[in-house]
Amino acid sequence: MLSLIVVALVTVAAGFVVWANDKRHAKYGIAVPAGVSLAVGMLSWIIFMAAGLGYQPGLTWIPWVLPMVLGAAASVAVVLYLGKTRTSRDTARLTAILRY
């Protein structure tokens, strides 16, 4: 159970770091990358533990490290997607509003 707590704390921290380093972070909330990172990290931890990859000699790192990496990667992917699409959609809507 300790590994789940560590994974949760690290993935949430990674989500906040990703949000802080994004130059377009004003386009979406602070909890979005942290929440996505946490959800992916927890889900992958559950899958790895259910698959029997935890607490096996030589495989102990999988439920510890891999969920943290997957959570951080998902956070980066969401930030890249949302930053790009929200900026273009907001610009298009603002242009449409100003044309009236």
PDB file of N, CA and C in Angstrom:
ATOM      1  N   MET A   1       0.818  -1.194   0.000  1.00  0.00           N
ATOM      2  CA  MET A   1       0.000   0.000   0.000  1.00  0.00           C
ATOM      3  C   MET A   1       0.864   1.260   0.000  1.00  0.00           C
ATOM      4  N   LEU A   2       2.053   1.172   0.557  1.00  0.00           N
ATOM      5  CA  LEU A   2       2.951   2.325   0.575  1.00  0.00           C
ATOM      6  C   LEU A   2       3.323   2.758  -0.838  1.00  0.00           C
ATOM      7  N   SER A   3       3.471   1.784  -1.728  1.00  0.00           N
ATOM      8  CA  SER A   3       3.827   2.148  -3.099  1.00  0.00           C
ATOM      9  C   SER A   3       2.712   2.946  -3.767  1.00  0.00           C
ATOM     10  N   LEU A   4       1.472   2.662  -3.424  1.00  0.00           N
ATOM     11  CA  LEU A   4       0.347   3.422  -3.985  1.00  0.00           C
ATOM     12  C   LEU A   4       0.381   4.871  -3.521  1.00  0.00           C
ATOM     13  N   ILE A   5       0.694   5.091  -2.261  1.00  0.00           N
ATOM     14  CA  ILE A   5       0.772   6.452  -1.725  1.00  0.00           C
ATOM     15  C   ILE A   5       1.914   7.224  -2.370  1.00  0.00           C
ATOM     16  N   VAL A   6       3.055   6.577  -2.525  1.00  0.00           N
ATOM     17  CA  VAL A   6       4.207   7.234  -3.149  1.00  0.00           C
ATOM     18  C   VAL A   6       3.903   7.567  -4.604  1.00  0.00           C
ATOM     19  N   VAL A   7       3.297   6.631  -5.301  1.00  0.00           N
ATOM     20  CA  VAL A   7       2.933   6.875  -6.704  1.00  0.00           C
ATOM     21  C   VAL A   7       1.953   8.040  -6.798  1.00  0.00           C
ATOM     22  N   ALA A   8       0.977   8.089  -5.906  1.00  0.00           N
ATOM     23  CA  ALA A   8      -0.003   9.181  -5.928  1.00  0.00           C
ATOM     24  C   ALA A   8       0.666  10.532  -5.700  1.00  0.00           C
ATOM     25  N   LEU A   9       1.515  10.618  -4.713  1.00  0.00           N
ATOM     26  CA  LEU A   9       2.179  11.893  -4.416  1.00  0.00           C
ATOM     27  C   LEU A   9       3.102  12.343  -5.552  1.00  0.00           C
ATOM     28  N   VAL A  10       3.845  11.417  -6.101  1.00  0.00           N
ATOM     29  CA  VAL A  10       4.781  11.780  -7.174  1.00  0.00           C
ATOM     30  C   VAL A  10       4.042  12.170  -8.448  1.00  0.00           C
ATOM     31  N   THR A  11       2.979  11.450  -8.789  1.00  0.00           N
ATOM     32  CA  THR A  11       2.262  11.790 -10.021  1.00  0.00           C
ATOM     33  C   THR A  11       1.542  13.134  -9.909  1.00  0.00           C
ATOM     34  N   VAL A  12       0.975  13.422  -8.749  1.00  0.00           N
ATOM     35  CA  VAL A  12       0.336  14.734  -8.563  1.00  0.00           C
ATOM     36  C   VAL A  12       1.373  15.843  -8.633  1.00  0.00           C
ATOM     37  N   ALA A  13       2.517  15.631  -8.011  1.00  0.00           N
ATOM     38  CA  ALA A  13       3.593  16.632  -8.065  1.00  0.00           C
ATOM     39  C   ALA A  13       4.073  16.823  -9.501  1.00  0.00           C
ATOM     40  N   ALA A  14       4.185  15.743 -10.250  1.00  0.00           N
ATOM     41  CA  ALA A  14       4.601  15.854 -11.649  1.00  0.00           C
ATOM     42  C   ALA A  14       3.577  16.646 -12.456  1.00  0.00           C
ATOM     43  N   GLY A  15       2.298  16.439 -12.189  1.00  0.00           N
ATOM     44  CA  GLY A  15       1.250  17.202 -12.876  1.00  0.00           C
ATOM     45  C   GLY A  15       1.334  18.685 -12.583  1.00  0.00           C
ATOM     46  N   PHE A  16       1.609  19.046 -11.325  1.00  0.00           N
ATOM     47  CA  PHE A  16       1.758  20.462 -10.977  1.00  0.00           C
ATOM     48  C   PHE A  16       3.000  21.067 -11.626  1.00  0.00           C
ATOM     49  N   VAL A  17       4.075  20.308 -11.696  1.00  0.00           N
ATOM     50  CA  VAL A  17       5.304  20.802 -12.335  1.00  0.00           C
ATOM     51  C   VAL A  17       5.073  21.011 -13.828  1.00  0.00           C
ATOM     52  N   VAL A  18       4.392  20.079 -14.449  1.00  0.00           N
ATOM     53  CA  VAL A  18       4.099  20.220 -15.882  1.00  0.00           C
ATOM     54  C   VAL A  18       3.227  21.454 -16.112  1.00  0.00           C
ATOM     55  N   TRP A  19       2.222  21.667 -15.271  1.00  0.00           N
ATOM     56  CA  TRP A  19       1.366  22.840 -15.413  1.00  0.00           C
ATOM     57  C   TRP A  19       2.166  24.127 -15.251  1.00  0.00           C
ATOM     58  N   ALA A  20       3.044  24.164 -14.277  1.00  0.00           N
ATOM     59  CA  ALA A  20       3.817  25.381 -14.009  1.00  0.00           C
ATOM     60  C   ALA A  20       4.792  25.692 -15.138  1.00  0.00           C
ATOM     61  N   ASN A  21       5.265  24.692 -15.839  1.00  0.00           N
ATOM     62  CA  ASN A  21       6.228  24.920 -16.905  1.00  0.00           C
ATOM     63  C   ASN A  21       5.596  25.184 -18.262  1.00  0.00           C
ATOM     64  N   ASP A  22       4.285  25.062 -18.355  1.00  0.00           N
ATOM     65  CA  ASP A  22       3.611  25.319 -19.623  1.00  0.00           C
ATOM     66  C   ASP A  22       3.353  26.811 -19.763  1.00  0.00           C
ATOM     67  N   LYS A  23       3.710  27.371 -20.903  1.00  0.00           N
ATOM     68  CA  LYS A  23       3.527  28.816 -21.102  1.00  0.00           C
ATOM     69  C   LYS A  23       2.065  29.183 -21.354  1.00  0.00           C
ATOM     70  N   ARG A  24       1.236  28.208 -21.721  1.00  0.00           N
ATOM     71  CA  ARG A  24      -0.182  28.473 -21.957  1.00  0.00           C
ATOM     72  C   ARG A  24      -1.056  27.932 -20.835  1.00  0.00           C
ATOM     73  N   HIS A  25      -0.537  27.877 -19.617  1.00  0.00           N
ATOM     74  CA  HIS A  25      -1.290  27.260 -18.531  1.00  0.00           C
ATOM     75  C   HIS A  25      -2.487  28.081 -18.063  1.00  0.00           C
ATOM     76  N   ALA A  26      -2.631  29.274 -18.560  1.00  0.00           N
ATOM     77  CA  ALA A  26      -3.809  30.075 -18.207  1.00  0.00           C
ATOM     78  C   ALA A  26      -5.052  29.612 -18.977  1.00  0.00           C
ATOM     79  N   LYS A  27      -4.880  28.769 -19.951  1.00  0.00           N
ATOM     80  CA  LYS A  27      -5.993  28.305 -20.778  1.00  0.00           C
ATOM     81  C   LYS A  27      -6.774  27.156 -20.141  1.00  0.00           C
ATOM     82  N   TYR A  28      -6.233  26.519 -19.132  1.00  0.00           N
ATOM     83  CA  TYR A  28      -6.917  25.414 -18.462  1.00  0.00           C
ATOM     84  C   TYR A  28      -6.553  25.458 -16.984  1.00  0.00           C
ATOM     85  N   GLY A  29      -7.248  24.733 -16.180  1.00  0.00           N
ATOM     86  CA  GLY A  29      -7.069  24.783 -14.739  1.00  0.00           C
ATOM     87  C   GLY A  29      -5.821  24.074 -14.251  1.00  0.00           C
ATOM     88  N   ILE A  30      -5.419  24.420 -13.050  1.00  0.00           N
ATOM     89  CA  ILE A  30      -4.227  23.840 -12.448  1.00  0.00           C
ATOM     90  C   ILE A  30      -4.427  22.358 -12.117  1.00  0.00           C
ATOM     91  N   ALA A  31      -5.665  21.955 -11.887  1.00  0.00           N
ATOM     92  CA  ALA A  31      -5.925  20.578 -11.488  1.00  0.00           C
ATOM     93  C   ALA A  31      -5.997  19.610 -12.669  1.00  0.00           C
ATOM     94  N   VAL A  32      -6.084  20.110 -13.880  1.00  0.00           N
ATOM     95  CA  VAL A  32      -6.228  19.222 -15.039  1.00  0.00           C
ATOM     96  C   VAL A  32      -5.005  18.327 -15.222  1.00  0.00           C
ATOM     97  N   PRO A  33      -3.794  18.873 -15.359  1.00  0.00           N
ATOM     98  CA  PRO A  33      -2.659  17.961 -15.540  1.00  0.00           C
ATOM     99  C   PRO A  33      -2.389  17.096 -14.314  1.00  0.00           C
ATOM    100  N   ALA A  34      -2.600  17.639 -13.129  1.00  0.00           N
ATOM    101  CA  ALA A  34      -2.380  16.851 -11.909  1.00  0.00           C
ATOM    102  C   ALA A  34      -3.403  15.728 -11.807  1.00  0.00           C
ATOM    103  N   GLY A  35      -4.628  16.011 -12.151  1.00  0.00           N
ATOM    104  CA  GLY A  35      -5.677  14.992 -12.105  1.00  0.00           C
ATOM    105  C   GLY A  35      -5.483  13.894 -13.121  1.00  0.00           C
ATOM    106  N   VAL A  36      -5.099  14.279 -14.325  1.00  0.00           N
ATOM    107  CA  VAL A  36      -4.830  13.278 -15.365  1.00  0.00           C
ATOM    108  C   VAL A  36      -3.639  12.419 -14.966  1.00  0.00           C
ATOM    109  N   SER A  37      -2.605  13.060 -14.470  1.00  0.00           N
ATOM    110  CA  SER A  37      -1.415  12.325 -14.040  1.00  0.00           C
ATOM    111  C   SER A  37      -1.761  11.350 -12.914  1.00  0.00           C
ATOM    112  N   LEU A  38      -2.546  11.796 -11.955  1.00  0.00           N
ATOM    113  CA  LEU A  38      -2.943  10.934 -10.848  1.00  0.00           C
ATOM    114  C   LEU A  38      -3.798   9.770 -11.339  1.00  0.00           C
ATOM    115  N   ALA A  39      -4.762  10.039 -12.189  1.00  0.00           N
ATOM    116  CA  ALA A  39      -5.643   8.980 -12.693  1.00  0.00           C
ATOM    117  C   ALA A  39      -4.870   7.918 -13.463  1.00  0.00           C
ATOM    118  N   VAL A  40      -3.976   8.352 -14.330  1.00  0.00           N
ATOM    119  CA  VAL A  40      -3.187   7.390 -15.112  1.00  0.00           C
ATOM    120  C   VAL A  40      -2.241   6.613 -14.202  1.00  0.00           C
ATOM    121  N   GLY A  41      -1.623   7.292 -13.264  1.00  0.00           N
ATOM    122  CA  GLY A  41      -0.715   6.612 -12.342  1.00  0.00           C
ATOM    123  C   GLY A  41      -1.429   5.574 -11.485  1.00  0.00           C
ATOM    124  N   MET A  42      -2.596   5.940 -10.944  1.00  0.00           N
ATOM    125  CA  MET A  42      -3.342   5.003 -10.101  1.00  0.00           C
ATOM    126  C   MET A  42      -3.858   3.817 -10.908  1.00  0.00           C
ATOM    127  N   LEU A  43      -4.400   4.106 -12.082  1.00  0.00           N
ATOM    128  CA  LEU A  43      -4.928   3.033 -12.922  1.00  0.00           C
ATOM    129  C   LEU A  43      -3.822   2.074 -13.351  1.00  0.00           C
ATOM    130  N   SER A  44      -2.686   2.604 -13.737  1.00  0.00           N
ATOM    131  CA  SER A  44      -1.588   1.719 -14.147  1.00  0.00           C
ATOM    132  C   SER A  44      -1.041   0.930 -12.956  1.00  0.00           C
ATOM    133  N   TRP A  45      -1.002   1.535 -11.761  1.00  0.00           N
ATOM    134  CA  TRP A  45      -0.561   0.801 -10.572  1.00  0.00           C
ATOM    135  C   TRP A  45      -1.505  -0.360 -10.287  1.00  0.00           C
ATOM    136  N   ILE A  46      -2.811  -0.104 -10.377  1.00  0.00           N
ATOM    137  CA  ILE A  46      -3.795  -1.159 -10.139  1.00  0.00           C
ATOM    138  C   ILE A  46      -3.651  -2.278 -11.160  1.00  0.00           C
ATOM    139  N   ILE A  47      -3.453  -1.909 -12.417  1.00  0.00           N
ATOM    140  CA  ILE A  47      -3.294  -2.925 -13.469  1.00  0.00           C
ATOM    141  C   ILE A  47      -2.033  -3.743 -13.242  1.00  0.00           C
ATOM    142  N   PHE A  48      -0.936  -3.095 -12.910  1.00  0.00           N
ATOM    143  CA  PHE A  48       0.315  -3.822 -12.689  1.00  0.00           C
ATOM    144  C   PHE A  48       0.219  -4.747 -11.480  1.00  0.00           C
ATOM    145  N   MET A  49      -0.431  -4.284 -10.422  1.00  0.00           N
ATOM    146  CA  MET A  49      -0.577  -5.126  -9.227  1.00  0.00           C
ATOM    147  C   MET A  49      -1.527  -6.293  -9.499  1.00  0.00           C
ATOM    148  N   ALA A  50      -2.609  -6.051 -10.244  1.00  0.00           N
ATOM    149  CA  ALA A  50      -3.543  -7.122 -10.572  1.00  0.00           C
ATOM    150  C   ALA A  50      -2.908  -8.150 -11.505  1.00  0.00           C
ATOM    151  N   ALA A  51      -1.962  -7.699 -12.324  1.00  0.00           N
ATOM    152  CA  ALA A  51      -1.274  -8.608 -13.235  1.00  0.00           C
ATOM    153  C   ALA A  51      -0.203  -9.427 -12.516  1.00  0.00           C
ATOM    154  N   GLY A  52       0.031  -9.113 -11.260  1.00  0.00           N
ATOM    155  CA  GLY A  52       1.010  -9.883 -10.492  1.00  0.00           C
ATOM    156  C   GLY A  52       2.445  -9.430 -10.673  1.00  0.00           C
ATOM    157  N   LEU A  53       2.634  -8.205 -11.104  1.00  0.00           N
ATOM    158  CA  LEU A  53       3.995  -7.722 -11.333  1.00  0.00           C
ATOM    159  C   LEU A  53       4.618  -7.082 -10.101  1.00  0.00           C
ATOM    160  N   GLY A  54       3.865  -6.934  -9.032  1.00  0.00           N
ATOM    161  CA  GLY A  54       4.393  -6.314  -7.829  1.00  0.00           C
ATOM    162  C   GLY A  54       4.997  -7.329  -6.886  1.00  0.00           C
ATOM    163  N   TYR A  55       6.016  -6.919  -6.216  1.00  0.00           N
ATOM    164  CA  TYR A  55       6.667  -7.725  -5.184  1.00  0.00           C
ATOM    165  C   TYR A  55       7.186  -9.056  -5.701  1.00  0.00           C
ATOM    166  N   GLN A  56       7.629  -9.067  -6.926  1.00  0.00           N
ATOM    167  CA  GLN A  56       8.292 -10.212  -7.526  1.00  0.00           C
ATOM    168  C   GLN A  56       9.774  -9.879  -7.653  1.00  0.00           C
ATOM    169  N   PRO A  57      10.648 -10.803  -7.373  1.00  0.00           N
ATOM    170  CA  PRO A  57      12.079 -10.498  -7.527  1.00  0.00           C
ATOM    171  C   PRO A  57      12.405 -10.082  -8.958  1.00  0.00           C
ATOM    172  N   GLY A  58      13.018  -8.945  -9.094  1.00  0.00           N
ATOM    173  CA  GLY A  58      13.382  -8.419 -10.399  1.00  0.00           C
ATOM    174  C   GLY A  58      12.314  -7.576 -11.060  1.00  0.00           C
ATOM    175  N   LEU A  59      11.097  -7.652 -10.565  1.00  0.00           N
ATOM    176  CA  LEU A  59       9.994  -6.885 -11.158  1.00  0.00           C
ATOM    177  C   LEU A  59       9.415  -5.858 -10.195  1.00  0.00           C
ATOM    178  N   THR A  60      10.014  -5.665  -9.052  1.00  0.00           N
ATOM    179  CA  THR A  60       9.481  -4.758  -8.040  1.00  0.00           C
ATOM    180  C   THR A  60       9.433  -3.316  -8.536  1.00  0.00           C
ATOM    181  N   TRP A  61      10.304  -2.944  -9.431  1.00  0.00           N
ATOM    182  CA  TRP A  61      10.350  -1.566  -9.922  1.00  0.00           C
ATOM    183  C   TRP A  61       9.146  -1.220 -10.789  1.00  0.00           C
ATOM    184  N   ILE A  62       8.494  -2.213 -11.384  1.00  0.00           N
ATOM    185  CA  ILE A  62       7.395  -1.929 -12.320  1.00  0.00           C
ATOM    186  C   ILE A  62       6.234  -1.200 -11.643  1.00  0.00           C
ATOM    187  N   PRO A  63       5.683  -1.671 -10.520  1.00  0.00           N
ATOM    188  CA  PRO A  63       4.581  -0.907  -9.924  1.00  0.00           C
ATOM    189  C   PRO A  63       5.044   0.351  -9.191  1.00  0.00           C
ATOM    190  N   TRP A  64       6.324   0.551  -9.021  1.00  0.00           N
ATOM    191  CA  TRP A  64       6.819   1.764  -8.375  1.00  0.00           C
ATOM    192  C   TRP A  64       7.147   2.848  -9.394  1.00  0.00           C
ATOM    193  N   VAL A  65       7.921   2.509 -10.390  1.00  0.00           N
ATOM    194  CA  VAL A  65       8.459   3.518 -11.306  1.00  0.00           C
ATOM    195  C   VAL A  65       7.564   3.739 -12.520  1.00  0.00           C
ATOM    196  N   LEU A  66       7.101   2.691 -13.127  1.00  0.00           N
ATOM    197  CA  LEU A  66       6.352   2.821 -14.375  1.00  0.00           C
ATOM    198  C   LEU A  66       5.065   3.643 -14.236  1.00  0.00           C
ATOM    199  N   PRO A  67       4.266   3.508 -13.179  1.00  0.00           N
ATOM    200  CA  PRO A  67       3.092   4.386 -13.055  1.00  0.00           C
ATOM    201  C   PRO A  67       3.460   5.868 -12.944  1.00  0.00           C
ATOM    202  N   MET A  68       4.582   6.164 -12.299  1.00  0.00           N
ATOM    203  CA  MET A  68       5.012   7.564 -12.201  1.00  0.00           C
ATOM    204  C   MET A  68       5.398   8.111 -13.565  1.00  0.00           C
ATOM    205  N   VAL A  69       6.090   7.318 -14.338  1.00  0.00           N
ATOM    206  CA  VAL A  69       6.499   7.741 -15.683  1.00  0.00           C
ATOM    207  C   VAL A  69       5.281   7.875 -16.586  1.00  0.00           C
ATOM    208  N   LEU A  70       4.380   6.915 -16.524  1.00  0.00           N
ATOM    209  CA  LEU A  70       3.173   6.986 -17.356  1.00  0.00           C
ATOM    210  C   LEU A  70       2.295   8.173 -16.966  1.00  0.00           C
ATOM    211  N   GLY A  71       2.174   8.450 -15.680  1.00  0.00           N
ATOM    212  CA  GLY A  71       1.384   9.590 -15.227  1.00  0.00           C
ATOM    213  C   GLY A  71       1.967  10.913 -15.692  1.00  0.00           C
ATOM    214  N   ALA A  72       3.282  11.051 -15.581  1.00  0.00           N
ATOM    215  CA  ALA A  72       3.937  12.285 -16.039  1.00  0.00           C
ATOM    216  C   ALA A  72       3.798  12.439 -17.551  1.00  0.00           C
ATOM    217  N   ALA A  73       3.943  11.344 -18.284  1.00  0.00           N
ATOM    218  CA  ALA A  73       3.815  11.403 -19.744  1.00  0.00           C
ATOM    219  C   ALA A  73       2.379  11.772 -20.150  1.00  0.00           C
ATOM    220  N   ALA A  74       1.390  11.229 -19.459  1.00  0.00           N
ATOM    221  CA  ALA A  74      -0.001  11.574 -19.755  1.00  0.00           C
ATOM    222  C   ALA A  74      -0.268  13.042 -19.452  1.00  0.00           C
ATOM    223  N   SER A  75       0.327  13.540 -18.398  1.00  0.00           N
ATOM    224  CA  SER A  75       0.168  14.950 -18.046  1.00  0.00           C
ATOM    225  C   SER A  75       0.748  15.847 -19.128  1.00  0.00           C
ATOM    226  N   VAL A  76       1.914  15.501 -19.619  1.00  0.00           N
ATOM    227  CA  VAL A  76       2.544  16.276 -20.698  1.00  0.00           C
ATOM    228  C   VAL A  76       1.686  16.224 -21.956  1.00  0.00           C
ATOM    229  N   ALA A  77       1.159  15.045 -22.276  1.00  0.00           N
ATOM    230  CA  ALA A  77       0.328  14.906 -23.475  1.00  0.00           C
ATOM    231  C   ALA A  77      -0.943  15.751 -23.379  1.00  0.00           C
ATOM    232  N   VAL A  78      -1.577  15.749 -22.229  1.00  0.00           N
ATOM    233  CA  VAL A  78      -2.792  16.537 -22.041  1.00  0.00           C
ATOM    234  C   VAL A  78      -2.495  18.024 -22.133  1.00  0.00           C
ATOM    235  N   VAL A  79      -1.388  18.452 -21.542  1.00  0.00           N
ATOM    236  CA  VAL A  79      -1.015  19.869 -21.585  1.00  0.00           C
ATOM    237  C   VAL A  79      -0.726  20.303 -23.018  1.00  0.00           C
ATOM    238  N   LEU A  80      -0.022  19.489 -23.758  1.00  0.00           N
ATOM    239  CA  LEU A  80       0.270  19.835 -25.154  1.00  0.00           C
ATOM    240  C   LEU A  80      -1.015  19.905 -25.979  1.00  0.00           C
ATOM    241  N   TYR A  81      -1.897  18.957 -25.781  1.00  0.00           N
ATOM    242  CA  TYR A  81      -3.147  18.946 -26.533  1.00  0.00           C
ATOM    243  C   TYR A  81      -4.050  20.121 -26.147  1.00  0.00           C
ATOM    244  N   LEU A  82      -4.271  20.287 -24.855  1.00  0.00           N
ATOM    245  CA  LEU A  82      -5.172  21.351 -24.413  1.00  0.00           C
ATOM    246  C   LEU A  82      -4.621  22.742 -24.710  1.00  0.00           C
ATOM    247  N   GLY A  83      -3.331  22.925 -24.523  1.00  0.00           N
ATOM    248  CA  GLY A  83      -2.743  24.232 -24.793  1.00  0.00           C
ATOM    249  C   GLY A  83      -2.926  24.658 -26.234  1.00  0.00           C
ATOM    250  N   LYS A  84      -2.735  23.709 -27.133  1.00  0.00           N
ATOM    251  CA  LYS A  84      -2.846  24.024 -28.554  1.00  0.00           C
ATOM    252  C   LYS A  84      -4.300  24.200 -28.986  1.00  0.00           C
ATOM    253  N   THR A  85      -5.161  23.277 -28.606  1.00  0.00           N
ATOM    254  CA  THR A  85      -6.542  23.349 -29.076  1.00  0.00           C
ATOM    255  C   THR A  85      -7.330  24.459 -28.391  1.00  0.00           C
ATOM    256  N   ARG A  86      -7.116  24.656 -27.108  1.00  0.00           N
ATOM    257  CA  ARG A  86      -7.855  25.711 -26.408  1.00  0.00           C
ATOM    258  C   ARG A  86      -7.462  27.090 -26.919  1.00  0.00           C
ATOM    259  N   THR A  87      -6.190  27.299 -27.213  1.00  0.00           N
ATOM    260  CA  THR A  87      -5.751  28.590 -27.725  1.00  0.00           C
ATOM    261  C   THR A  87      -6.395  28.877 -29.076  1.00  0.00           C
ATOM    262  N   SER A  88      -6.387  27.901 -29.969  1.00  0.00           N
ATOM    263  CA  SER A  88      -6.975  28.127 -31.292  1.00  0.00           C
ATOM    264  C   SER A  88      -8.491  28.295 -31.201  1.00  0.00           C
ATOM    265  N   ARG A  89      -9.154  27.516 -30.367  1.00  0.00           N
ATOM    266  CA  ARG A  89     -10.612  27.653 -30.232  1.00  0.00           C
ATOM    267  C   ARG A  89     -10.996  28.971 -29.565  1.00  0.00           C
ATOM    268  N   ASP A  90     -10.252  29.377 -28.561  1.00  0.00           N
ATOM    269  CA  ASP A  90     -10.535  30.654 -27.912  1.00  0.00           C
ATOM    270  C   ASP A  90     -10.334  31.823 -28.872  1.00  0.00           C
ATOM    271  N   THR A  91      -9.300  31.755 -29.691  1.00  0.00           N
ATOM    272  CA  THR A  91      -9.044  32.805 -30.678  1.00  0.00           C
ATOM    273  C   THR A  91     -10.164  32.849 -31.713  1.00  0.00           C
ATOM    274  N   ALA A  92     -10.606  31.685 -32.163  1.00  0.00           N
ATOM    275  CA  ALA A  92     -11.689  31.632 -33.154  1.00  0.00           C
ATOM    276  C   ALA A  92     -12.990  32.184 -32.562  1.00  0.00           C
ATOM    277  N   ARG A  93     -13.303  31.830 -31.335  1.00  0.00           N
ATOM    278  CA  ARG A  93     -14.531  32.328 -30.709  1.00  0.00           C
ATOM    279  C   ARG A  93     -14.462  33.834 -30.456  1.00  0.00           C
ATOM    280  N   LEU A  94     -13.312  34.314 -30.037  1.00  0.00           N
ATOM    281  CA  LEU A  94     -13.150  35.737 -29.802  1.00  0.00           C
ATOM    282  C   LEU A  94     -13.278  36.518 -31.112  1.00  0.00           C
ATOM    283  N   THR A  95     -12.718  35.988 -32.180  1.00  0.00           N
ATOM    284  CA  THR A  95     -12.838  36.622 -33.488  1.00  0.00           C
ATOM    285  C   THR A  95     -14.294  36.642 -33.935  1.00  0.00           C
ATOM    286  N   ALA A  96     -14.996  35.561 -33.719  1.00  0.00           N
ATOM    287  CA  ALA A  96     -16.423  35.509 -34.111  1.00  0.00           C
ATOM    288  C   ALA A  96     -17.242  36.496 -33.297  1.00  0.00           C
ATOM    289  N   ILE A  97     -16.938  36.629 -32.023  1.00  0.00           N
ATOM    290  CA  ILE A  97     -17.683  37.559 -31.178  1.00  0.00           C
ATOM    291  C   ILE A  97     -17.397  39.004 -31.599  1.00  0.00           C
ATOM    292  N   LEU A  98     -16.170  39.300 -31.920  1.00  0.00           N
ATOM    293  CA  LEU A  98     -15.800  40.677 -32.275  1.00  0.00           C
ATOM    294  C   LEU A  98     -16.307  41.091 -33.652  1.00  0.00           C
ATOM    295  N   ARG A  99     -16.664  40.147 -34.476  1.00  0.00           N
ATOM    296  CA  ARG A  99     -17.166  40.491 -35.812  1.00  0.00           C
ATOM    297  C   ARG A  99     -18.587  41.024 -35.770  1.00  0.00           C
ATOM    298  N   TYR A 100     -19.316  40.750 -34.713  1.00  0.00           N
ATOM    299  CA  TYR A 100     -20.704  41.232 -34.607  1.00  0.00           C
ATOM    300  C   TYR A 100     -20.761  42.676 -34.294  1.00  0.00           C
TER     301      TYR A 100
END
